[in-house]
Amino acid sequence: MALKTMLWALVLTTSLAAGAVLAADPTPAPAPATPGGKAVLVRQAHYKDLNAAFRTINEQLRGDTPDKAVLATEAGKMKALAADLPTWFPKGSGPEAGVKTAAKAEIWTDAEGFAAAAAKLEGETAKLSDLATAGDLDAIKAQARVTGGACKNCHDKYRGS
């Protein structure tokens, strides 16, 4: 009888362990087949790249000896990404796309305002890139704050939680 109980316990433990492994599978869910859903995922990847570049710049600027080459490279990435940003929001890539997105409907209902906010970010990242290429650390620090303000301005109006 004890052997039978031990076998059942082993089967139960193995089943629970296998279930836990499957539940913890880090493989992301497949992208939705809709163009809008795919656009959301591409947009999110671009924003991660933009955020990573800005984070690197800010980390460099907080350090004792910022690497000017890193600043120039990362600011160049931000400039390129910001220039493409308006293309990241095709119609159908809002909440209706079936993929979790923080993009508010105002991006499409206030297209003119969103375009102005995107243009502001593009301009500020271009200035940041120019200053980073020139290597004036005080000017880069000041422009990084202005660029962050352009990001915040857009987030406040067009990004939900």
Protein backbone atom coordinates (compact mmCIF):
# COMPACT_ATOMS: atom_id res chain seq x y z
CA MET A 1 0.00 0.00 0.00
CA ALA A 2 2.79 2.43 0.84
CA LEU A 3 4.43 1.78 -2.51
CA LYS A 4 1.20 2.63 -4.32
CA THR A 5 0.88 5.89 -2.36
CA MET A 6 4.49 6.81 -3.12
CA LEU A 7 3.95 6.18 -6.86
CA TRP A 8 0.85 8.39 -6.89
CA ALA A 9 2.76 11.09 -5.02
CA LEU A 10 5.56 10.86 -7.57
CA VAL A 11 3.11 11.11 -10.49
CA LEU A 12 1.36 14.09 -8.87
CA THR A 13 4.64 15.88 -8.12
CA THR A 14 5.92 15.31 -11.65
CA SER A 15 2.66 16.59 -13.13
CA LEU A 16 2.73 19.71 -10.98
CA ALA A 17 6.36 20.39 -11.86
CA ALA A 18 5.66 20.00 -15.58
CA GLY A 19 2.72 22.37 -15.27
CA ALA A 20 4.87 24.95 -13.50
CA VAL A 21 7.50 24.75 -16.23
CA LEU A 22 4.90 25.25 -18.94
CA ALA A 23 3.29 28.14 -17.05
CA ALA A 24 6.67 29.87 -16.70
CA ASP A 25 7.49 29.54 -20.40
CA PRO A 26 9.14 32.85 -21.36
CA THR A 27 8.27 32.45 -25.03
CA PRO A 28 6.15 35.45 -26.01
CA ALA A 29 2.72 34.93 -27.41
CA PRO A 30 2.67 34.95 -31.19
CA ALA A 31 2.07 38.33 -32.77
CA PRO A 32 -1.44 38.92 -34.00
CA ALA A 33 -1.91 38.32 -37.68
CA THR A 34 -3.40 41.76 -38.28
CA PRO A 35 -1.26 44.54 -39.74
CA GLY A 36 -2.30 46.77 -36.85
CA GLY A 37 -1.17 44.22 -34.28
CA LYS A 38 2.16 43.82 -36.02
CA ALA A 39 2.56 47.61 -36.14
CA VAL A 40 2.02 47.82 -32.37
CA LEU A 41 4.79 45.30 -31.73
CA VAL A 42 7.18 47.05 -34.12
CA ARG A 43 6.35 50.41 -32.51
CA GLN A 44 7.02 49.03 -29.04
CA ALA A 45 10.41 47.71 -30.17
CA HIS A 46 11.30 51.12 -31.62
CA TYR A 47 10.31 52.84 -28.38
CA LYS A 48 12.48 50.43 -26.41
CA ASP A 49 15.40 51.38 -28.67
CA LEU A 50 14.67 55.09 -28.24
CA ASN A 51 14.40 54.72 -24.48
CA ALA A 52 17.62 52.68 -24.28
CA ALA A 53 19.55 55.34 -26.23
CA PHE A 54 18.22 58.14 -24.01
CA ARG A 55 18.92 56.13 -20.86
CA THR A 56 22.52 55.58 -22.00
CA ILE A 57 22.93 59.31 -22.66
CA ASN A 58 21.60 60.21 -19.23
CA GLU A 59 23.79 57.59 -17.54
CA GLN A 60 26.83 58.97 -19.35
CA LEU A 61 25.94 62.53 -18.35
CA ARG A 62 25.62 61.53 -14.68
CA GLY A 63 29.09 59.98 -14.73
CA ASP A 64 32.32 61.76 -13.88
CA THR A 65 33.78 61.39 -17.37
CA PRO A 66 31.10 60.98 -20.04
CA ASP A 67 32.28 59.22 -23.18
CA LYS A 68 31.67 61.74 -25.96
CA ALA A 69 31.71 59.03 -28.62
CA VAL A 70 28.95 57.13 -26.82
CA LEU A 71 26.95 60.34 -26.43
CA ALA A 72 27.25 61.09 -30.15
CA THR A 73 26.32 57.54 -31.16
CA GLU A 74 23.29 57.33 -28.90
CA ALA A 75 22.08 60.82 -29.79
CA GLY A 76 22.36 59.86 -33.46
CA LYS A 77 20.19 56.81 -32.79
CA MET A 78 17.62 59.01 -31.07
CA LYS A 79 17.61 61.45 -33.98
CA ALA A 80 17.02 58.66 -36.52
CA LEU A 81 14.30 57.03 -34.45
CA ALA A 82 12.51 60.32 -33.78
CA ALA A 83 12.53 61.11 -37.50
CA ASP A 84 10.69 57.84 -38.18
CA LEU A 85 8.32 58.08 -35.20
CA PRO A 86 5.27 59.36 -37.13
CA THR A 87 5.34 56.23 -39.31
CA TRP A 88 4.96 54.00 -36.24
CA PHE A 89 1.26 54.79 -35.87
CA PRO A 90 -0.66 53.55 -38.91
CA LYS A 91 -4.43 53.48 -38.69
CA GLY A 92 -5.61 50.33 -36.98
CA SER A 93 -2.64 50.12 -34.60
CA GLY A 94 -4.42 51.55 -31.59
CA PRO A 95 -6.25 49.66 -28.87
CA GLU A 96 -8.42 48.00 -31.55
CA ALA A 97 -5.36 46.08 -32.83
CA GLY A 98 -5.74 43.38 -30.18
CA VAL A 99 -2.32 43.98 -28.66
CA LYS A 100 -1.82 45.82 -25.40
CA THR A 101 -0.73 49.36 -26.24
CA ALA A 102 -0.38 52.57 -24.29
CA ALA A 103 -1.18 54.62 -27.40
CA LYS A 104 -4.24 56.78 -26.77
CA ALA A 105 -6.91 57.29 -29.40
CA GLU A 106 -5.93 60.99 -29.47
CA ILE A 107 -2.96 60.04 -31.65
CA TRP A 108 -5.41 59.45 -34.48
CA THR A 109 -8.24 61.81 -33.48
CA ASP A 110 -5.79 64.72 -32.96
CA ALA A 111 -3.44 63.83 -35.78
CA GLU A 112 -2.33 67.44 -36.20
CA GLY A 113 -1.42 67.80 -32.52
CA PHE A 114 0.38 64.47 -32.52
CA ALA A 115 2.31 65.42 -35.64
CA ALA A 116 3.37 68.66 -33.95
CA ALA A 117 4.52 66.79 -30.83
CA ALA A 118 6.45 64.29 -32.96
CA ALA A 119 8.04 67.14 -34.94
CA LYS A 120 9.06 68.81 -31.67
CA LEU A 121 10.78 65.61 -30.53
CA GLU A 122 12.46 65.25 -33.91
CA GLY A 123 13.81 68.79 -33.69
CA GLU A 124 15.05 68.39 -30.13
CA THR A 125 16.78 65.09 -30.87
CA ALA A 126 18.44 66.67 -33.92
CA LYS A 127 19.79 69.46 -31.69
CA LEU A 128 20.95 66.87 -29.14
CA SER A 129 22.71 64.91 -31.87
CA ASP A 130 24.44 68.03 -33.21
CA LEU A 131 25.59 69.05 -29.73
CA ALA A 132 26.76 65.53 -28.91
CA THR A 133 28.77 65.44 -32.12
CA ALA A 134 30.36 68.79 -31.17
CA GLY A 135 31.13 67.43 -27.69
CA ASP A 136 30.14 70.40 -25.47
CA LEU A 137 29.07 68.55 -22.31
CA ASP A 138 27.28 71.50 -20.68
CA ALA A 139 25.26 72.11 -23.84
CA ILE A 140 24.52 68.39 -24.17
CA LYS A 141 23.24 68.27 -20.57
CA ALA A 142 20.97 71.26 -21.15
CA GLN A 143 19.64 69.83 -24.41
CA ALA A 144 19.07 66.40 -22.84
CA ARG A 145 16.70 68.08 -20.37
CA VAL A 146 14.87 69.84 -23.21
CA THR A 147 14.66 66.58 -25.15
CA GLY A 148 13.26 64.82 -22.08
CA GLY A 149 10.64 67.57 -21.86
CA ALA A 150 9.62 66.90 -25.47
CA CYS A 151 9.22 63.21 -24.60
CA LYS A 152 7.13 64.06 -21.52
CA ASN A 153 4.96 66.52 -23.44
CA CYS A 154 3.97 63.83 -25.90
CA HIS A 155 3.51 61.17 -23.22
CA ASP A 156 1.27 63.42 -21.16
CA LYS A 157 -1.22 63.83 -23.99
CA TYR A 158 -0.86 60.76 -26.19
CA ARG A 159 0.28 57.91 -23.97
CA GLY A 160 -1.87 56.05 -21.48
CA SER A 161 -0.72 53.63 -18.85
